[in-house]
């Protein structure tokens, strides 16, 4: 009959931690909604990303929402 091996390390118990909220602000005076509106108006995502400072991936969401 095989014996069960006992685990020698203690169980790790981690309590709940605080929720961390991060906000992205490129510091150029544009809000994300304003930048996404420019994309909806027909400006290219790359051009808006360069002008506003927001990453193009954040702006591409506006294009995906319209479809």
N, C-alpha and C. Protein backbone atom coordinates (compact mmCIF):
# COMPACT_ATOMS: atom_id res chain seq x y z
N UNK A 1 0.82 -1.17 0.00
CA UNK A 1 0.00 0.00 0.00
C UNK A 1 0.88 1.26 0.00
N UNK A 2 0.61 2.18 -0.91
CA UNK A 2 1.42 3.39 -1.03
C UNK A 2 1.02 4.41 0.03
N UNK A 3 2.04 5.05 0.58
CA UNK A 3 1.75 6.10 1.55
C UNK A 3 1.70 7.45 0.84
N UNK A 4 0.91 8.31 1.37
CA UNK A 4 0.84 9.66 0.80
C UNK A 4 1.97 10.50 1.35
N UNK A 5 2.58 11.23 0.47
CA UNK A 5 3.66 12.13 0.90
C UNK A 5 3.05 13.39 1.50
N UNK A 6 3.63 13.83 2.58
CA UNK A 6 3.16 15.06 3.22
C UNK A 6 3.89 16.25 2.63
N UNK A 7 3.17 17.27 2.34
CA UNK A 7 3.80 18.49 1.84
C UNK A 7 4.53 19.18 2.98
N UNK A 8 5.75 19.56 2.74
CA UNK A 8 6.55 20.11 3.82
C UNK A 8 6.48 21.64 3.90
N UNK A 9 5.97 22.29 2.88
CA UNK A 9 5.93 23.75 2.93
C UNK A 9 4.55 24.21 3.42
N UNK A 10 4.51 25.34 4.06
CA UNK A 10 3.22 25.82 4.60
C UNK A 10 2.33 26.36 3.48
N UNK A 11 1.05 26.34 3.74
CA UNK A 11 0.09 26.91 2.79
C UNK A 11 0.26 28.43 2.76
N UNK A 12 0.27 28.97 1.57
CA UNK A 12 0.35 30.42 1.45
C UNK A 12 -1.05 30.99 1.53
N UNK A 13 -1.23 31.88 2.44
CA UNK A 13 -2.54 32.52 2.57
C UNK A 13 -2.34 34.01 2.36
N UNK A 14 -3.02 34.50 1.41
CA UNK A 14 -2.91 35.93 1.10
C UNK A 14 -4.27 36.57 1.29
N UNK A 15 -4.27 37.63 2.00
CA UNK A 15 -5.50 38.37 2.19
C UNK A 15 -5.80 39.25 0.99
N UNK A 16 -7.00 39.75 0.96
CA UNK A 16 -7.38 40.64 -0.13
C UNK A 16 -6.59 41.93 -0.04
N UNK A 17 -6.17 42.43 -1.17
CA UNK A 17 -5.41 43.68 -1.18
C UNK A 17 -6.29 44.80 -1.73
N UNK A 18 -5.79 46.01 -1.60
CA UNK A 18 -6.52 47.17 -2.10
C UNK A 18 -6.56 47.16 -3.62
N UNK A 19 -7.61 47.72 -4.15
CA UNK A 19 -7.75 47.86 -5.59
C UNK A 19 -6.93 49.07 -6.03
N UNK A 20 -6.14 48.87 -7.06
CA UNK A 20 -5.31 49.96 -7.57
C UNK A 20 -5.91 50.44 -8.88
N UNK A 21 -6.23 51.70 -8.95
CA UNK A 21 -6.80 52.29 -10.15
C UNK A 21 -5.73 53.16 -10.78
N UNK A 22 -5.45 52.88 -12.04
CA UNK A 22 -4.46 53.69 -12.74
C UNK A 22 -5.16 54.50 -13.82
N UNK A 23 -4.73 55.70 -13.98
CA UNK A 23 -5.28 56.57 -15.01
C UNK A 23 -4.14 56.98 -15.93
N UNK A 24 -4.45 57.03 -17.21
CA UNK A 24 -3.44 57.42 -18.19
C UNK A 24 -3.73 58.85 -18.61
N UNK A 25 -2.80 59.73 -18.36
CA UNK A 25 -2.93 61.12 -18.77
C UNK A 25 -1.63 61.53 -19.45
N UNK A 26 -1.68 61.74 -20.77
CA UNK A 26 -0.45 62.11 -21.46
C UNK A 26 0.01 63.53 -21.18
N UNK A 27 -0.82 64.33 -20.54
CA UNK A 27 -0.41 65.68 -20.17
C UNK A 27 -0.43 66.69 -21.29
N UNK A 28 -1.20 66.44 -22.32
CA UNK A 28 -1.25 67.38 -23.45
C UNK A 28 -2.58 68.13 -23.53
N UNK A 29 -3.44 67.96 -22.55
CA UNK A 29 -4.69 68.70 -22.53
C UNK A 29 -5.85 67.99 -23.20
N UNK A 30 -5.66 66.79 -23.70
CA UNK A 30 -6.72 66.05 -24.35
C UNK A 30 -7.27 64.99 -23.40
N UNK A 31 -8.58 64.79 -23.45
CA UNK A 31 -9.16 63.65 -22.75
C UNK A 31 -9.24 62.49 -23.73
N UNK A 32 -9.38 61.30 -23.19
CA UNK A 32 -9.47 60.12 -24.05
C UNK A 32 -10.71 60.19 -24.92
N UNK A 33 -11.80 60.69 -24.38
CA UNK A 33 -13.04 60.79 -25.17
C UNK A 33 -12.87 61.78 -26.32
N UNK A 34 -12.19 62.88 -26.10
CA UNK A 34 -11.94 63.84 -27.18
C UNK A 34 -11.07 63.22 -28.27
N UNK A 35 -10.07 62.46 -27.86
CA UNK A 35 -9.19 61.82 -28.84
C UNK A 35 -9.95 60.78 -29.65
N UNK A 36 -10.82 60.03 -28.98
CA UNK A 36 -11.61 59.02 -29.70
C UNK A 36 -12.61 59.69 -30.64
N UNK A 37 -13.12 60.85 -30.27
CA UNK A 37 -14.02 61.58 -31.17
C UNK A 37 -13.29 62.01 -32.44
N UNK A 38 -12.03 62.38 -32.33
CA UNK A 38 -11.26 62.73 -33.53
C UNK A 38 -11.14 61.53 -34.46
N UNK A 39 -10.95 60.35 -33.89
CA UNK A 39 -10.87 59.14 -34.72
C UNK A 39 -12.21 58.88 -35.39
N UNK A 40 -13.30 59.09 -34.65
CA UNK A 40 -14.64 58.89 -35.23
C UNK A 40 -14.92 59.89 -36.35
N UNK A 41 -14.31 61.08 -36.27
CA UNK A 41 -14.52 62.10 -37.30
C UNK A 41 -13.73 61.81 -38.57
N UNK A 42 -12.85 60.82 -38.53
CA UNK A 42 -12.14 60.44 -39.73
C UNK A 42 -10.63 60.62 -39.71
N UNK A 43 -10.11 61.19 -38.64
CA UNK A 43 -8.66 61.32 -38.55
C UNK A 43 -8.04 59.94 -38.33
N UNK A 44 -6.84 59.74 -38.84
CA UNK A 44 -6.20 58.43 -38.69
C UNK A 44 -5.79 58.21 -37.23
N UNK A 45 -5.78 56.96 -36.84
CA UNK A 45 -5.44 56.60 -35.47
C UNK A 45 -4.00 57.03 -35.15
N UNK A 46 -3.10 56.84 -36.10
CA UNK A 46 -1.70 57.21 -35.87
C UNK A 46 -1.53 58.71 -35.70
N UNK A 47 -2.25 59.50 -36.50
CA UNK A 47 -2.17 60.95 -36.40
C UNK A 47 -2.71 61.43 -35.06
N UNK A 48 -3.86 60.89 -34.65
CA UNK A 48 -4.45 61.29 -33.37
C UNK A 48 -3.55 60.87 -32.21
N UNK A 49 -2.95 59.70 -32.32
CA UNK A 49 -2.05 59.24 -31.26
C UNK A 49 -0.85 60.16 -31.12
N UNK A 50 -0.33 60.62 -32.24
CA UNK A 50 0.82 61.53 -32.21
C UNK A 50 0.43 62.88 -31.63
N UNK A 51 -0.74 63.39 -32.00
CA UNK A 51 -1.16 64.72 -31.55
C UNK A 51 -1.57 64.74 -30.07
N UNK A 52 -2.28 63.70 -29.63
CA UNK A 52 -2.85 63.71 -28.28
C UNK A 52 -1.98 63.04 -27.24
N UNK A 53 -1.10 62.14 -27.67
CA UNK A 53 -0.24 61.44 -26.73
C UNK A 53 -0.80 60.12 -26.23
N UNK A 54 -2.02 59.79 -26.62
CA UNK A 54 -2.60 58.51 -26.21
C UNK A 54 -2.07 57.40 -27.11
N UNK A 55 -1.85 56.20 -26.56
CA UNK A 55 -1.40 55.08 -27.39
C UNK A 55 -2.44 54.71 -28.44
N UNK A 56 -1.98 54.26 -29.59
CA UNK A 56 -2.91 53.93 -30.67
C UNK A 56 -3.84 52.80 -30.30
N UNK A 57 -3.41 51.88 -29.44
CA UNK A 57 -4.29 50.78 -29.04
C UNK A 57 -5.50 51.30 -28.27
N UNK A 58 -5.33 52.35 -27.48
CA UNK A 58 -6.45 52.93 -26.75
C UNK A 58 -7.42 53.61 -27.71
N UNK A 59 -6.89 54.16 -28.79
CA UNK A 59 -7.74 54.87 -29.73
C UNK A 59 -8.45 53.92 -30.70
N UNK A 60 -7.87 52.76 -30.94
CA UNK A 60 -8.49 51.80 -31.85
C UNK A 60 -9.78 51.24 -31.30
N UNK A 61 -10.00 51.36 -30.01
CA UNK A 61 -11.26 50.92 -29.41
C UNK A 61 -12.42 51.73 -29.98
N UNK A 62 -12.19 53.00 -30.28
CA UNK A 62 -13.24 53.84 -30.85
C UNK A 62 -13.65 53.33 -32.22
N UNK A 63 -12.70 52.85 -32.99
CA UNK A 63 -12.99 52.32 -34.31
C UNK A 63 -13.77 51.01 -34.18
N UNK A 64 -13.39 50.17 -33.23
CA UNK A 64 -14.07 48.88 -33.03
C UNK A 64 -15.48 49.08 -32.50
N UNK A 65 -15.71 50.10 -31.67
CA UNK A 65 -17.04 50.35 -31.12
C UNK A 65 -18.02 50.79 -32.19
N UNK A 66 -17.56 51.50 -33.19
CA UNK A 66 -18.44 52.00 -34.24
C UNK A 66 -18.91 50.90 -35.18
N UNK A 67 -18.13 49.84 -35.32
CA UNK A 67 -18.48 48.75 -36.25
C UNK A 67 -19.59 47.88 -35.74
